[in-house]
């Protein structure tokens, strides 16, 4: 597959993840909507596969600082339903965190800065 195909799959994964998180964050408290959880997992999987595919096609080291930061952001996205359902922080804070993390991830992916 071409790097452009991986980019399209990566963006699709982000959209599916955002829809899943939206369903989870707007659902009733103390419950996890099944469709939201399924979309959340599928989006995370698409992001991971497309992200690593892009890295392989472009010969980018996985140990690069911006890649490691994006993996950390991916882990936080993966844990978001747990954080919300266990009330570690309110849903409004979760919305703000999702937006900030998505923006930070886009910044890292587009500019690829050397962080450390």
Protein backbone atom coordinates (compact mmCIF):
# COMPACT_ATOMS: atom_id res chain seq x y z
CA UNK A 1 0.00 0.00 0.00
CA UNK A 2 1.12 3.54 -0.63
CA UNK A 3 1.76 6.08 2.13
CA UNK A 4 -1.28 8.04 0.92
CA UNK A 5 -3.50 4.98 1.46
CA UNK A 6 -2.17 4.68 4.99
CA UNK A 7 -2.91 8.38 5.57
CA UNK A 8 -6.50 7.91 4.44
CA UNK A 9 -6.85 4.89 6.75
CA UNK A 10 -5.30 6.92 9.58
CA UNK A 11 -7.79 9.76 9.11
CA UNK A 12 -10.65 7.25 8.90
CA UNK A 13 -9.43 5.71 12.16
CA UNK A 14 -9.44 9.13 13.80
CA UNK A 15 -13.00 9.78 12.64
CA UNK A 16 -14.22 6.40 13.90
CA UNK A 17 -12.42 6.96 17.22
CA UNK A 18 -13.99 10.41 17.58
CA UNK A 19 -17.47 9.04 16.87
CA UNK A 20 -16.94 6.27 19.39
CA UNK A 21 -15.70 8.66 22.06
CA UNK A 22 -18.64 10.95 21.31
CA UNK A 23 -21.07 8.10 21.89
CA UNK A 24 -19.31 7.14 25.12
CA UNK A 25 -19.09 10.69 26.46
CA UNK A 26 -22.71 11.49 25.59
CA UNK A 27 -24.12 8.20 26.81
CA UNK A 28 -25.78 7.69 30.17
CA UNK A 29 -23.51 7.76 33.21
CA UNK A 30 -22.30 4.45 34.59
CA UNK A 31 -22.85 2.69 31.27
CA UNK A 32 -20.80 2.12 28.17
CA UNK A 33 -22.79 2.10 24.91
CA UNK A 34 -21.81 -1.02 22.98
CA UNK A 35 -21.68 0.72 19.61
CA UNK A 36 -19.51 3.48 21.08
CA UNK A 37 -17.10 1.00 22.63
CA UNK A 38 -16.92 -0.99 19.37
CA UNK A 39 -16.23 2.15 17.33
CA UNK A 40 -13.65 3.25 19.91
CA UNK A 41 -11.76 -0.04 19.56
CA UNK A 42 -12.00 -0.16 15.76
CA UNK A 43 -10.78 3.44 15.52
CA UNK A 44 -7.82 2.71 17.80
CA UNK A 45 -6.92 -0.35 15.75
CA UNK A 46 -7.13 1.55 12.45
CA UNK A 47 -4.98 4.34 13.86
CA UNK A 48 -2.35 1.90 15.07
CA UNK A 49 -2.14 -0.15 11.87
CA UNK A 50 -2.16 2.88 9.56
CA UNK A 51 0.31 4.78 11.73
CA UNK A 52 2.84 1.97 11.81
CA UNK A 53 2.28 1.31 8.10
CA UNK A 54 3.08 4.93 7.33
CA UNK A 55 6.20 4.78 9.49
CA UNK A 56 7.38 1.64 7.70
CA UNK A 57 6.76 3.08 4.22
CA UNK A 58 8.59 6.31 5.07
CA UNK A 59 11.46 4.54 6.92
CA UNK A 60 10.90 6.48 10.14
CA UNK A 61 12.34 5.06 13.36
CA UNK A 62 9.75 4.06 15.96
CA UNK A 63 12.02 5.44 18.70
CA UNK A 64 11.77 8.99 17.32
CA UNK A 65 10.54 11.39 20.00
CA UNK A 66 7.39 12.55 18.22
CA UNK A 67 6.39 8.93 17.47
CA UNK A 68 6.75 8.01 21.14
CA UNK A 69 4.59 11.00 22.12
CA UNK A 70 1.93 9.95 19.61
CA UNK A 71 1.96 6.44 21.10
CA UNK A 72 1.45 7.95 24.55
CA UNK A 73 -1.50 9.97 23.22
CA UNK A 74 -2.89 6.78 21.65
CA UNK A 75 -2.70 5.06 25.06
CA UNK A 76 -4.56 7.95 26.72
CA UNK A 77 -7.25 7.76 24.03
CA UNK A 78 -7.51 4.05 24.68
CA UNK A 79 -7.99 4.58 28.41
CA UNK A 80 -10.49 7.42 28.03
CA UNK A 81 -13.65 5.29 28.57
CA UNK A 82 -12.15 3.95 31.79
CA UNK A 83 -11.30 7.45 33.01
CA UNK A 84 -14.79 8.72 32.27
CA UNK A 85 -16.71 5.75 33.69
CA UNK A 86 -14.64 5.64 36.88
CA UNK A 87 -15.19 9.42 37.22
CA UNK A 88 -11.51 10.34 37.41
CA UNK A 89 -12.62 13.58 35.80
CA UNK A 90 -15.94 15.01 34.60
CA UNK A 91 -17.17 14.57 31.06
CA UNK A 92 -16.58 18.23 30.20
CA UNK A 93 -12.92 17.83 31.15
CA UNK A 94 -12.81 14.65 29.06
CA UNK A 95 -14.15 16.56 26.04
CA UNK A 96 -11.47 19.24 26.47
CA UNK A 97 -8.78 16.56 26.89
CA UNK A 98 -9.90 14.75 23.72
CA UNK A 99 -9.75 17.98 21.71
CA UNK A 100 -6.34 18.93 23.14
CA UNK A 101 -4.90 15.46 22.54
CA UNK A 102 -6.23 15.35 18.97
CA UNK A 103 -4.71 18.76 18.28
CA UNK A 104 -1.41 17.76 19.83
CA UNK A 105 -1.36 14.55 17.84
CA UNK A 106 -2.04 16.43 14.61
CA UNK A 107 0.76 18.88 15.45
CA UNK A 108 3.19 16.02 16.04
CA UNK A 109 2.17 14.15 12.90
CA UNK A 110 2.33 17.13 10.56
CA UNK A 111 5.41 18.96 11.85
CA UNK A 112 7.35 15.97 13.26
CA UNK A 113 9.32 18.07 15.76
CA UNK A 114 12.38 16.72 17.58
CA UNK A 115 11.20 16.90 21.19
CA UNK A 116 13.99 15.16 23.10
